[in-house]
PDB file of N, CA and C in Angstrom:
ATOM      1  N   MET A   1     -77.366  35.502  35.326  1.00  0.00           N
ATOM      2  CA  MET A   1     -76.798  36.760  34.899  1.00  0.00           C
ATOM      3  C   MET A   1     -75.287  36.724  35.149  1.00  0.00           C
ATOM      4  N   LEU A   2     -74.557  37.264  34.240  1.00  0.00           N
ATOM      5  CA  LEU A   2     -73.110  37.297  34.387  1.00  0.00           C
ATOM      6  C   LEU A   2     -72.689  38.337  35.422  1.00  0.00           C
ATOM      7  N   ALA A   3     -71.794  37.906  36.296  1.00  0.00           N
ATOM      8  CA  ALA A   3     -71.270  38.829  37.304  1.00  0.00           C
ATOM      9  C   ALA A   3     -70.327  39.828  36.649  1.00  0.00           C
ATOM     10  N   GLU A   4     -70.108  40.932  37.315  1.00  0.00           N
ATOM     11  CA  GLU A   4     -69.250  41.989  36.771  1.00  0.00           C
ATOM     12  C   GLU A   4     -67.843  41.481  36.501  1.00  0.00           C
ATOM     13  N   HIS A   5     -67.290  40.642  37.396  1.00  0.00           N
ATOM     14  CA  HIS A   5     -65.935  40.127  37.173  1.00  0.00           C
ATOM     15  C   HIS A   5     -65.881  39.188  35.976  1.00  0.00           C
ATOM     16  N   GLU A   6     -66.981  38.474  35.702  1.00  0.00           N
ATOM     17  CA  GLU A   6     -67.031  37.617  34.514  1.00  0.00           C
ATOM     18  C   GLU A   6     -67.053  38.460  33.244  1.00  0.00           C
ATOM     19  N   MET A   7     -67.780  39.550  33.270  1.00  0.00           N
ATOM     20  CA  MET A   7     -67.825  40.453  32.115  1.00  0.00           C
ATOM     21  C   MET A   7     -66.449  41.062  31.864  1.00  0.00           C
ATOM     22  N   ALA A   8     -65.733  41.391  32.938  1.00  0.00           N
ATOM     23  CA  ALA A   8     -64.384  41.944  32.790  1.00  0.00           C
ATOM     24  C   ALA A   8     -63.452  40.919  32.164  1.00  0.00           C
ATOM     25  N   ALA A   9     -63.594  39.660  32.560  1.00  0.00           N
ATOM     26  CA  ALA A   9     -62.756  38.598  31.987  1.00  0.00           C
ATOM     27  C   ALA A   9     -63.065  38.404  30.505  1.00  0.00           C
ATOM     28  N   ILE A  10     -64.338  38.457  30.145  1.00  0.00           N
ATOM     29  CA  ILE A  10     -64.730  38.323  28.735  1.00  0.00           C
ATOM     30  C   ILE A  10     -64.192  39.498  27.931  1.00  0.00           C
ATOM     31  N   ALA A  11     -64.290  40.688  28.468  1.00  0.00           N
ATOM     32  CA  ALA A  11     -63.767  41.870  27.780  1.00  0.00           C
ATOM     33  C   ALA A  11     -62.257  41.775  27.594  1.00  0.00           C
ATOM     34  N   ALA A  12     -61.556  41.283  28.620  1.00  0.00           N
ATOM     35  CA  ALA A  12     -60.098  41.122  28.524  1.00  0.00           C
ATOM     36  C   ALA A  12     -59.739  40.092  27.454  1.00  0.00           C
ATOM     37  N   PHE A  13     -60.514  39.026  27.360  1.00  0.00           N
ATOM     38  CA  PHE A  13     -60.301  38.001  26.335  1.00  0.00           C
ATOM     39  C   PHE A  13     -60.410  38.621  24.942  1.00  0.00           C
ATOM     40  N   PHE A  14     -61.461  39.391  24.705  1.00  0.00           N
ATOM     41  CA  PHE A  14     -61.634  40.003  23.390  1.00  0.00           C
ATOM     42  C   PHE A  14     -60.608  41.103  23.128  1.00  0.00           C
ATOM     43  N   ASP A  15     -60.140  41.771  24.152  1.00  0.00           N
ATOM     44  CA  ASP A  15     -59.039  42.722  23.981  1.00  0.00           C
ATOM     45  C   ASP A  15     -57.785  42.004  23.501  1.00  0.00           C
ATOM     46  N   GLU A  16     -57.511  40.821  24.058  1.00  0.00           N
ATOM     47  CA  GLU A  16     -56.354  40.025  23.619  1.00  0.00           C
ATOM     48  C   GLU A  16     -56.495  39.620  22.158  1.00  0.00           C
ATOM     49  N   LEU A  17     -57.695  39.226  21.765  1.00  0.00           N
ATOM     50  CA  LEU A  17     -57.926  38.862  20.366  1.00  0.00           C
ATOM     51  C   LEU A  17     -57.729  40.056  19.440  1.00  0.00           C
ATOM     52  N   GLU A  18     -58.211  41.201  19.838  1.00  0.00           N
ATOM     53  CA  GLU A  18     -58.055  42.408  19.011  1.00  0.00           C
ATOM     54  C   GLU A  18     -56.587  42.798  18.915  1.00  0.00           C
ATOM     55  N   THR A  19     -55.856  42.685  20.004  1.00  0.00           N
ATOM     56  CA  THR A  19     -54.410  42.964  19.978  1.00  0.00           C
ATOM     57  C   THR A  19     -53.715  42.018  19.010  1.00  0.00           C
ATOM     58  N   ALA A  20     -54.079  40.745  19.069  1.00  0.00           N
ATOM     59  CA  ALA A  20     -53.493  39.761  18.148  1.00  0.00           C
ATOM     60  C   ALA A  20     -53.809  40.126  16.698  1.00  0.00           C
ATOM     61  N   ARG A  21     -55.032  40.538  16.435  1.00  0.00           N
ATOM     62  CA  ARG A  21     -55.412  40.906  15.065  1.00  0.00           C
ATOM     63  C   ARG A  21     -54.609  42.102  14.585  1.00  0.00           C
ATOM     64  N   LEU A  22     -54.498  43.108  15.420  1.00  0.00           N
ATOM     65  CA  LEU A  22     -53.786  44.325  15.031  1.00  0.00           C
ATOM     66  C   LEU A  22     -52.294  44.088  14.808  1.00  0.00           C
ATOM     67  N   HIS A  23     -51.724  43.145  15.545  1.00  0.00           N
ATOM     68  CA  HIS A  23     -50.293  42.846  15.430  1.00  0.00           C
ATOM     69  C   HIS A  23     -50.004  41.645  14.520  1.00  0.00           C
ATOM     70  N   GLU A  24     -51.044  41.177  13.822  1.00  0.00           N
ATOM     71  CA  GLU A  24     -50.927  40.047  12.896  1.00  0.00           C
ATOM     72  C   GLU A  24     -50.322  38.827  13.574  1.00  0.00           C
ATOM     73  N   GLN A  25     -50.720  38.612  14.819  1.00  0.00           N
ATOM     74  CA  GLN A  25     -50.305  37.419  15.551  1.00  0.00           C
ATOM     75  C   GLN A  25     -51.308  36.308  15.277  1.00  0.00           C
ATOM     76  N   THR A  26     -50.874  35.078  15.459  1.00  0.00           N
ATOM     77  CA  THR A  26     -51.738  33.928  15.235  1.00  0.00           C
ATOM     78  C   THR A  26     -52.371  33.489  16.543  1.00  0.00           C
ATOM     79  N   VAL A  27     -53.641  33.155  16.484  1.00  0.00           N
ATOM     80  CA  VAL A  27     -54.357  32.577  17.608  1.00  0.00           C
ATOM     81  C   VAL A  27     -54.574  31.105  17.279  1.00  0.00           C
ATOM     82  N   SER A  28     -53.986  30.213  18.061  1.00  0.00           N
ATOM     83  CA  SER A  28     -54.184  28.774  17.889  1.00  0.00           C
ATOM     84  C   SER A  28     -55.230  28.316  18.894  1.00  0.00           C
ATOM     85  N   ILE A  29     -56.054  27.340  18.478  1.00  0.00           N
ATOM     86  CA  ILE A  29     -57.125  26.837  19.333  1.00  0.00           C
ATOM     87  C   ILE A  29     -57.054  25.315  19.362  1.00  0.00           C
ATOM     88  N   ALA A  30     -57.160  24.728  20.567  1.00  0.00           N
ATOM     89  CA  ALA A  30     -57.042  23.275  20.719  1.00  0.00           C
ATOM     90  C   ALA A  30     -58.101  22.729  21.661  1.00  0.00           C
ATOM     91  N   GLY A  31     -58.537  21.518  21.397  1.00  0.00           N
ATOM     92  CA  GLY A  31     -59.471  20.810  22.266  1.00  0.00           C
ATOM     93  C   GLY A  31     -59.695  19.409  21.740  1.00  0.00           C
ATOM     94  N   ASN A  32     -60.255  18.542  22.569  1.00  0.00           N
ATOM     95  CA  ASN A  32     -60.547  17.146  22.204  1.00  0.00           C
ATOM     96  C   ASN A  32     -62.055  16.922  22.102  1.00  0.00           C
ATOM     97  N   GLY A  33     -62.449  15.939  21.288  1.00  0.00           N
ATOM     98  CA  GLY A  33     -63.860  15.560  21.213  1.00  0.00           C
ATOM     99  C   GLY A  33     -64.741  16.722  20.791  1.00  0.00           C
ATOM    100  N   GLY A  34     -65.779  16.994  21.577  1.00  0.00           N
ATOM    101  CA  GLY A  34     -66.663  18.118  21.292  1.00  0.00           C
ATOM    102  C   GLY A  34     -65.922  19.436  21.317  1.00  0.00           C
ATOM    103  N   SER A  35     -64.916  19.529  22.177  1.00  0.00           N
ATOM    104  CA  SER A  35     -64.099  20.750  22.242  1.00  0.00           C
ATOM    105  C   SER A  35     -63.292  20.945  20.969  1.00  0.00           C
ATOM    106  N   ALA A  36     -62.965  19.853  20.278  1.00  0.00           N
ATOM    107  CA  ALA A  36     -62.283  19.966  18.982  1.00  0.00           C
ATOM    108  C   ALA A  36     -63.212  20.616  17.965  1.00  0.00           C
ATOM    109  N   SER A  37     -64.490  20.244  18.012  1.00  0.00           N
ATOM    110  CA  SER A  37     -65.472  20.869  17.117  1.00  0.00           C
ATOM    111  C   SER A  37     -65.633  22.345  17.440  1.00  0.00           C
ATOM    112  N   ILE A  38     -65.643  22.671  18.722  1.00  0.00           N
ATOM    113  CA  ILE A  38     -65.739  24.073  19.126  1.00  0.00           C
ATOM    114  C   ILE A  38     -64.519  24.839  18.625  1.00  0.00           C
ATOM    115  N   ALA A  39     -63.319  24.236  18.731  1.00  0.00           N
ATOM    116  CA  ALA A  39     -62.095  24.885  18.249  1.00  0.00           C
ATOM    117  C   ALA A  39     -62.191  25.179  16.758  1.00  0.00           C
ATOM    118  N   SER A  40     -62.676  24.216  15.990  1.00  0.00           N
ATOM    119  CA  SER A  40     -62.836  24.417  14.542  1.00  0.00           C
ATOM    120  C   SER A  40     -63.819  25.542  14.248  1.00  0.00           C
ATOM    121  N   HIS A  41     -64.935  25.533  14.955  1.00  0.00           N
ATOM    122  CA  HIS A  41     -65.959  26.545  14.728  1.00  0.00           C
ATOM    123  C   HIS A  41     -65.454  27.930  15.127  1.00  0.00           C
ATOM    124  N   MET A  42     -64.752  28.024  16.251  1.00  0.00           N
ATOM    125  CA  MET A  42     -64.195  29.310  16.674  1.00  0.00           C
ATOM    126  C   MET A  42     -63.219  29.845  15.636  1.00  0.00           C
ATOM    127  N   ALA A  43     -62.405  28.955  15.070  1.00  0.00           N
ATOM    128  CA  ALA A  43     -61.419  29.381  14.074  1.00  0.00           C
ATOM    129  C   ALA A  43     -62.110  30.024  12.877  1.00  0.00           C
ATOM    130  N   VAL A  44     -63.195  29.426  12.429  1.00  0.00           N
ATOM    131  CA  VAL A  44     -63.938  30.005  11.306  1.00  0.00           C
ATOM    132  C   VAL A  44     -64.578  31.327  11.711  1.00  0.00           C
ATOM    133  N   ASP A  45     -65.208  31.334  12.877  1.00  0.00           N
ATOM    134  CA  ASP A  45     -65.867  32.565  13.325  1.00  0.00           C
ATOM    135  C   ASP A  45     -64.875  33.708  13.491  1.00  0.00           C
ATOM    136  N   PHE A  46     -63.752  33.441  14.135  1.00  0.00           N
ATOM    137  CA  PHE A  46     -62.763  34.491  14.384  1.00  0.00           C
ATOM    138  C   PHE A  46     -62.021  34.892  13.118  1.00  0.00           C
ATOM    139  N   GLY A  47     -61.824  33.945  12.208  1.00  0.00           N
ATOM    140  CA  GLY A  47     -61.060  34.228  10.998  1.00  0.00           C
ATOM    141  C   GLY A  47     -61.849  34.902   9.909  1.00  0.00           C
ATOM    142  N   VAL A  48     -63.073  34.431   9.679  1.00  0.00           N
ATOM    143  CA  VAL A  48     -63.842  34.985   8.568  1.00  0.00           C
ATOM    144  C   VAL A  48     -65.318  35.181   8.872  1.00  0.00           C
ATOM    145  N   GLY A  49     -65.890  34.340   9.680  1.00  0.00           N
ATOM    146  CA  GLY A  49     -67.343  34.308   9.878  1.00  0.00           C
ATOM    147  C   GLY A  49     -67.952  35.610  10.315  1.00  0.00           C
ATOM    148  N   GLY A  50     -67.321  36.295  11.247  1.00  0.00           N
ATOM    149  CA  GLY A  50     -67.883  37.530  11.767  1.00  0.00           C
ATOM    150  C   GLY A  50     -67.617  38.735  10.898  1.00  0.00           C
ATOM    151  N   LEU A  51     -66.888  38.535   9.791  1.00  0.00           N
ATOM    152  CA  LEU A  51     -66.472  39.678   8.978  1.00  0.00           C
ATOM    153  C   LEU A  51     -67.119  39.721   7.602  1.00  0.00           C
ATOM    154  N   ALA A  52     -67.982  38.782   7.330  1.00  0.00           N
ATOM    155  CA  ALA A  52     -68.566  38.688   5.989  1.00  0.00           C
ATOM    156  C   ALA A  52     -69.180  40.010   5.557  1.00  0.00           C
ATOM    157  N   GLY A  53     -68.712  40.518   4.446  1.00  0.00           N
ATOM    158  CA  GLY A  53     -69.266  41.726   3.860  1.00  0.00           C
ATOM    159  C   GLY A  53     -68.874  43.012   4.559  1.00  0.00           C
ATOM    160  N   LYS A  54     -68.008  42.961   5.531  1.00  0.00           N
ATOM    161  CA  LYS A  54     -67.666  44.166   6.277  1.00  0.00           C
ATOM    162  C   LYS A  54     -66.320  44.755   5.866  1.00  0.00           C
ATOM    163  N   GLY A  55     -65.556  44.027   5.056  1.00  0.00           N
ATOM    164  CA  GLY A  55     -64.287  44.543   4.584  1.00  0.00           C
ATOM    165  C   GLY A  55     -63.178  44.551   5.625  1.00  0.00           C
ATOM    166  N   ALA A  56     -63.418  44.003   6.792  1.00  0.00           N
ATOM    167  CA  ALA A  56     -62.402  43.971   7.846  1.00  0.00           C
ATOM    168  C   ALA A  56     -61.465  42.781   7.656  1.00  0.00           C
ATOM    169  N   VAL A  57     -60.301  42.883   8.239  1.00  0.00           N
ATOM    170  CA  VAL A  57     -59.339  41.784   8.202  1.00  0.00           C
ATOM    171  C   VAL A  57     -59.562  40.931   9.434  1.00  0.00           C
ATOM    172  N   GLY A  58     -59.719  39.640   9.221  1.00  0.00           N
ATOM    173  CA  GLY A  58     -59.950  38.720  10.331  1.00  0.00           C
ATOM    174  C   GLY A  58     -58.669  38.393  11.072  1.00  0.00           C
ATOM    175  N   LEU A  59     -58.838  37.622  12.110  1.00  0.00           N
ATOM    176  CA  LEU A  59     -57.694  37.133  12.875  1.00  0.00           C
ATOM    177  C   LEU A  59     -56.936  36.082  12.083  1.00  0.00           C
ATOM    178  N   ARG A  60     -55.640  35.997  12.334  1.00  0.00           N
ATOM    179  CA  ARG A  60     -54.858  34.856  11.854  1.00  0.00           C
ATOM    180  C   ARG A  60     -55.123  33.762  12.876  1.00  0.00           C
ATOM    181  N   VAL A  61     -55.883  32.775  12.505  1.00  0.00           N
ATOM    182  CA  VAL A  61     -56.316  31.759  13.471  1.00  0.00           C
ATOM    183  C   VAL A  61     -56.081  30.366  12.915  1.00  0.00           C
ATOM    184  N   LEU A  62     -55.700  29.461  13.799  1.00  0.00           N
ATOM    185  CA  LEU A  62     -55.365  28.095  13.416  1.00  0.00           C
ATOM    186  C   LEU A  62     -56.007  27.147  14.417  1.00  0.00           C
ATOM    187  N   SER A  63     -56.890  26.291  13.931  1.00  0.00           N
ATOM    188  CA  SER A  63     -57.447  25.251  14.780  1.00  0.00           C
ATOM    189  C   SER A  63     -56.491  24.066  14.739  1.00  0.00           C
ATOM    190  N   LEU A  64     -55.905  23.733  15.873  1.00  0.00           N
ATOM    191  CA  LEU A  64     -54.935  22.634  15.939  1.00  0.00           C
ATOM    192  C   LEU A  64     -55.614  21.270  15.844  1.00  0.00           C
ATOM    193  N   THR A  65     -56.928  21.275  15.747  1.00  0.00           N
ATOM    194  CA  THR A  65     -57.679  20.020  15.657  1.00  0.00           C
ATOM    195  C   THR A  65     -58.010  19.631  14.221  1.00  0.00           C
ATOM    196  N   ASP A  66     -57.757  20.517  13.267  1.00  0.00           N
ATOM    197  CA  ASP A  66     -58.271  20.313  11.915  1.00  0.00           C
ATOM    198  C   ASP A  66     -57.371  19.527  10.962  1.00  0.00           C
ATOM    199  N   ASN A  67     -56.121  19.349  11.291  1.00  0.00           N
ATOM    200  CA  ASN A  67     -55.211  18.661  10.381  1.00  0.00           C
ATOM    201  C   ASN A  67     -55.033  17.216  10.841  1.00  0.00           C
ATOM    202  N   ALA A  68     -55.876  16.325  10.293  1.00  0.00           N
ATOM    203  CA  ALA A  68     -55.849  14.911  10.697  1.00  0.00           C
ATOM    204  C   ALA A  68     -54.482  14.274  10.449  1.00  0.00           C
ATOM    205  N   SER A  69     -53.822  14.664   9.369  1.00  0.00           N
ATOM    206  CA  SER A  69     -52.503  14.086   9.066  1.00  0.00           C
ATOM    207  C   SER A  69     -51.482  14.466  10.128  1.00  0.00           C
ATOM    208  N   ALA A  70     -51.484  15.737  10.538  1.00  0.00           N
ATOM    209  CA  ALA A  70     -50.554  16.177  11.592  1.00  0.00           C
ATOM    210  C   ALA A  70     -50.881  15.500  12.917  1.00  0.00           C
ATOM    211  N   LEU A  71     -52.164  15.466  13.265  1.00  0.00           N
ATOM    212  CA  LEU A  71     -52.577  14.837  14.525  1.00  0.00           C
ATOM    213  C   LEU A  71     -52.131  13.381  14.600  1.00  0.00           C
ATOM    214  N   THR A  72     -52.403  12.627  13.536  1.00  0.00           N
ATOM    215  CA  THR A  72     -52.085  11.199  13.584  1.00  0.00           C
ATOM    216  C   THR A  72     -50.589  10.935  13.452  1.00  0.00           C
ATOM    217  N   ALA A  73     -49.871  11.760  12.707  1.00  0.00           N
ATOM    218  CA  ALA A  73     -48.421  11.584  12.602  1.00  0.00           C
ATOM    219  C   ALA A  73     -47.753  11.833  13.947  1.00  0.00           C
ATOM    220  N   ILE A  74     -48.134  12.910  14.612  1.00  0.00           N
ATOM    221  CA  ILE A  74     -47.538  13.217  15.917  1.00  0.00           C
ATOM    222  C   ILE A  74     -47.941  12.160  16.945  1.00  0.00           C
ATOM    223  N   ALA A  75     -49.205  11.764  16.944  1.00  0.00           N
ATOM    224  CA  ALA A  75     -49.669  10.728  17.884  1.00  0.00           C
ATOM    225  C   ALA A  75     -48.929   9.417  17.657  1.00  0.00           C
ATOM    226  N   ASN A  76     -48.710   9.058  16.412  1.00  0.00           N
ATOM    227  CA  ASN A  76     -48.029   7.807  16.081  1.00  0.00           C
ATOM    228  C   ASN A  76     -46.533   7.862  16.374  1.00  0.00           C
ATOM    229  N   ASP A  77     -45.882   8.959  15.981  1.00  0.00           N
ATOM    230  CA  ASP A  77     -44.428   9.056  16.109  1.00  0.00           C
ATOM    231  C   ASP A  77     -43.975   9.439  17.509  1.00  0.00           C
ATOM    232  N   ARG A  78     -44.805  10.168  18.247  1.00  0.00           N
ATOM    233  CA  ARG A  78     -44.437  10.622  19.595  1.00  0.00           C
ATOM    234  C   ARG A  78     -45.433  10.078  20.605  1.00  0.00           C
ATOM    235  N   SER A  79     -46.533  10.779  20.783  1.00  0.00           N
ATOM    236  CA  SER A  79     -47.635  10.308  21.627  1.00  0.00           C
ATOM    237  C   SER A  79     -48.816  11.242  21.433  1.00  0.00           C
ATOM    238  N   TYR A  80     -49.995  10.751  21.800  1.00  0.00           N
ATOM    239  CA  TYR A  80     -51.181  11.584  21.646  1.00  0.00           C
ATOM    240  C   TYR A  80     -51.098  12.821  22.532  1.00  0.00           C
ATOM    241  N   SER A  81     -50.402  12.722  23.632  1.00  0.00           N
ATOM    242  CA  SER A  81     -50.288  13.879  24.523  1.00  0.00           C
ATOM    243  C   SER A  81     -49.475  15.010  23.899  1.00  0.00           C
ATOM    244  N   ASP A  82     -48.789  14.747  22.782  1.00  0.00           N
ATOM    245  CA  ASP A  82     -47.983  15.759  22.098  1.00  0.00           C
ATOM    246  C   ASP A  82     -48.637  16.340  20.842  1.00  0.00           C
ATOM    247  N   VAL A  83     -49.882  15.957  20.543  1.00  0.00           N
ATOM    248  CA  VAL A  83     -50.454  16.363  19.250  1.00  0.00           C
ATOM    249  C   VAL A  83     -50.589  17.874  19.087  1.00  0.00           C
ATOM    250  N   PHE A  84     -50.815  18.596  20.165  1.00  0.00           N
ATOM    251  CA  PHE A  84     -50.922  20.054  20.060  1.00  0.00           C
ATOM    252  C   PHE A  84     -49.569  20.718  20.231  1.00  0.00           C
ATOM    253  N   VAL A  85     -48.775  20.233  21.178  1.00  0.00           N
ATOM    254  CA  VAL A  85     -47.422  20.776  21.392  1.00  0.00           C
ATOM    255  C   VAL A  85     -46.585  20.616  20.128  1.00  0.00           C
ATOM    256  N   GLY A  86     -46.721  19.482  19.469  1.00  0.00           N
ATOM    257  CA  GLY A  86     -45.959  19.245  18.240  1.00  0.00           C
ATOM    258  C   GLY A  86     -46.286  20.255  17.155  1.00  0.00           C
ATOM    259  N   GLN A  87     -47.549  20.622  17.032  1.00  0.00           N
ATOM    260  CA  GLN A  87     -47.937  21.625  16.035  1.00  0.00           C
ATOM    261  C   GLN A  87     -47.506  23.021  16.465  1.00  0.00           C
ATOM    262  N   LEU A  88     -47.628  23.312  17.755  1.00  0.00           N
ATOM    263  CA  LEU A  88     -47.208  24.628  18.248  1.00  0.00           C
ATOM    264  C   LEU A  88     -45.712  24.835  18.061  1.00  0.00           C
ATOM    265  N   ALA A  89     -44.926  23.770  18.167  1.00  0.00           N
ATOM    266  CA  ALA A  89     -43.477  23.879  17.974  1.00  0.00           C
ATOM    267  C   ALA A  89     -43.160  24.415  16.582  1.00  0.00           C
ATOM    268  N   THR A  90     -44.010  24.107  15.623  1.00  0.00           N
ATOM    269  CA  THR A  90     -43.814  24.573  14.251  1.00  0.00           C
ATOM    270  C   THR A  90     -44.419  25.956  14.023  1.00  0.00           C
ATOM    271  N   HIS A  91     -45.616  26.174  14.527  1.00  0.00           N
ATOM    272  CA  HIS A  91     -46.378  27.372  14.160  1.00  0.00           C
ATOM    273  C   HIS A  91     -46.290  28.535  15.134  1.00  0.00           C
ATOM    274  N   TYR A  92     -46.047  28.271  16.395  1.00  0.00           N
ATOM    275  CA  TYR A  92     -46.113  29.326  17.416  1.00  0.00           C
ATOM    276  C   TYR A  92     -44.924  30.269  17.315  1.00  0.00           C
ATOM    277  N   ARG A  93     -45.219  31.561  17.337  1.00  0.00           N
ATOM    278  CA  ARG A  93     -44.201  32.608  17.326  1.00  0.00           C
ATOM    279  C   ARG A  93     -44.428  33.524  18.519  1.00  0.00           C
ATOM    280  N   ARG A  94     -43.390  34.189  18.943  1.00  0.00           N
ATOM    281  CA  ARG A  94     -43.473  35.101  20.087  1.00  0.00           C
ATOM    282  C   ARG A  94     -44.652  36.063  19.905  1.00  0.00           C
ATOM    283  N   GLY A  95     -45.465  36.184  20.944  1.00  0.00           N
ATOM    284  CA  GLY A  95     -46.617  37.063  20.907  1.00  0.00           C
ATOM    285  C   GLY A  95     -47.908  36.393  20.471  1.00  0.00           C
ATOM    286  N   ASP A  96     -47.811  35.213  19.859  1.00  0.00           N
ATOM    287  CA  ASP A  96     -49.019  34.501  19.451  1.00  0.00           C
ATOM    288  C   ASP A  96     -49.847  34.114  20.675  1.00  0.00           C
ATOM    289  N   LYS A  97     -51.092  33.785  20.445  1.00  0.00           N
ATOM    290  CA  LYS A  97     -52.021  33.429  21.515  1.00  0.00           C
ATOM    291  C   LYS A  97     -52.461  31.980  21.355  1.00  0.00           C
ATOM    292  N   LEU A  98     -52.877  31.385  22.473  1.00  0.00           N
ATOM    293  CA  LEU A  98     -53.385  30.017  22.472  1.00  0.00           C
ATOM    294  C   LEU A  98     -54.664  29.971  23.286  1.00  0.00           C
ATOM    295  N   ILE A  99     -55.693  29.380  22.705  1.00  0.00           N
ATOM    296  CA  ILE A  99     -56.943  29.115  23.408  1.00  0.00           C
ATOM    297  C   ILE A  99     -57.059  27.605  23.539  1.00  0.00           C
ATOM    298  N   VAL A 100     -57.230  27.116  24.759  1.00  0.00           N
ATOM    299  CA  VAL A 100     -57.461  25.690  24.969  1.00  0.00           C
ATOM    300  C   VAL A 100     -58.855  25.504  25.539  1.00  0.00           C
ATOM    301  N   ILE A 101     -59.518  24.455  25.083  1.00  0.00           N
ATOM    302  CA  ILE A 101     -60.883  24.169  25.505  1.00  0.00           C
ATOM    303  C   ILE A 101     -60.891  22.755  26.072  1.00  0.00           C
ATOM    304  N   SER A 102     -61.390  22.617  27.298  1.00  0.00           N
ATOM    305  CA  SER A 102     -61.446  21.301  27.926  1.00  0.00           C
ATOM    306  C   SER A 102     -62.565  21.278  28.955  1.00  0.00           C
ATOM    307  N   ALA A 103     -63.466  20.313  28.818  1.00  0.00           N
ATOM    308  CA  ALA A 103     -64.552  20.177  29.794  1.00  0.00           C
ATOM    309  C   ALA A 103     -64.007  19.714  31.137  1.00  0.00           C
ATOM    310  N   SER A 104     -63.028  18.808  31.121  1.00  0.00           N
ATOM    311  CA  SER A 104     -62.488  18.265  32.371  1.00  0.00           C
ATOM    312  C   SER A 104     -61.368  19.119  32.946  1.00  0.00           C
ATOM    313  N   GLY A 105     -60.639  19.795  32.057  1.00  0.00           N
ATOM    314  CA  GLY A 105     -59.499  20.589  32.504  1.00  0.00           C
ATOM    315  C   GLY A 105     -58.256  19.780  32.765  1.00  0.00           C
ATOM    316  N   ASN A 106     -58.286  18.488  32.449  1.00  0.00           N
ATOM    317  CA  ASN A 106     -57.108  17.674  32.728  1.00  0.00           C
ATOM    318  C   ASN A 106     -56.680  16.764  31.578  1.00  0.00           C
ATOM    319  N   SER A 107     -57.065  17.083  30.362  1.00  0.00           N
ATOM    320  CA  SER A 107     -56.625  16.302  29.203  1.00  0.00           C
ATOM    321  C   SER A 107     -55.130  16.532  29.014  1.00  0.00           C
ATOM    322  N   PRO A 108     -54.315  15.468  29.034  1.00  0.00           N
ATOM    323  CA  PRO A 108     -52.861  15.632  28.975  1.00  0.00           C
ATOM    324  C   PRO A 108     -52.376  16.462  27.784  1.00  0.00           C
ATOM    325  N   ASN A 109     -52.978  16.294  26.600  1.00  0.00           N
ATOM    326  CA  ASN A 109     -52.508  17.042  25.430  1.00  0.00           C
ATOM    327  C   ASN A 109     -52.881  18.524  25.517  1.00  0.00           C
ATOM    328  N   VAL A 110     -54.020  18.836  26.111  1.00  0.00           N
ATOM    329  CA  VAL A 110     -54.434  20.227  26.268  1.00  0.00           C
ATOM    330  C   VAL A 110     -53.600  20.911  27.350  1.00  0.00           C
ATOM    331  N   VAL A 111     -53.373  20.200  28.461  1.00  0.00           N
ATOM    332  CA  VAL A 111     -52.547  20.730  29.542  1.00  0.00           C
ATOM    333  C   VAL A 111     -51.130  20.987  29.044  1.00  0.00           C
ATOM    334  N   ALA A 112     -50.583  20.055  28.264  1.00  0.00           N
ATOM    335  CA  ALA A 112     -49.221  20.214  27.718  1.00  0.00           C
ATOM    336  C   ALA A 112     -49.148  21.436  26.810  1.00  0.00           C
ATOM    337  N   ALA A 113     -50.151  21.653  25.996  1.00  0.00           N
ATOM    338  CA  ALA A 113     -50.169  22.823  25.114  1.00  0.00           C
ATOM    339  C   ALA A 113     -50.221  24.109  25.926  1.00  0.00           C
ATOM    340  N   ALA A 114     -51.016  24.124  26.977  1.00  0.00           N
ATOM    341  CA  ALA A 114     -51.155  25.317  27.811  1.00  0.00           C
ATOM    342  C   ALA A 114     -49.849  25.639  28.522  1.00  0.00           C
ATOM    343  N   ARG A 115     -49.109  24.614  28.897  1.00  0.00           N
ATOM    344  CA  ARG A 115     -47.815  24.845  29.556  1.00  0.00           C
ATOM    345  C   ARG A 115     -46.844  25.470  28.581  1.00  0.00           C
TER     346      ARG A 115
END
């Protein structure tokens, strides 16, 4: 069972997403491996999946894992640890949000994006 403080954290997370939606801010999502798949799936769910047939406007959401050309260009020209930071340098605007997903919590590219 989820503890009360965990429920408060989940509610705060969704409040941040709703604020981003209302202010037309972009939510970027990043992760490696299986977490990259989760990032892609979250982007669809937050952007359009949960709104089908409801007439609501979805979040402006960007999965930083989905553009293979950007990922490989940044990894090749700079380093793999910069693949998310490099994209955020282009897309991130004041007030935007970032979700990072990591099973280990120490992936250099995810940590760099979070910083």
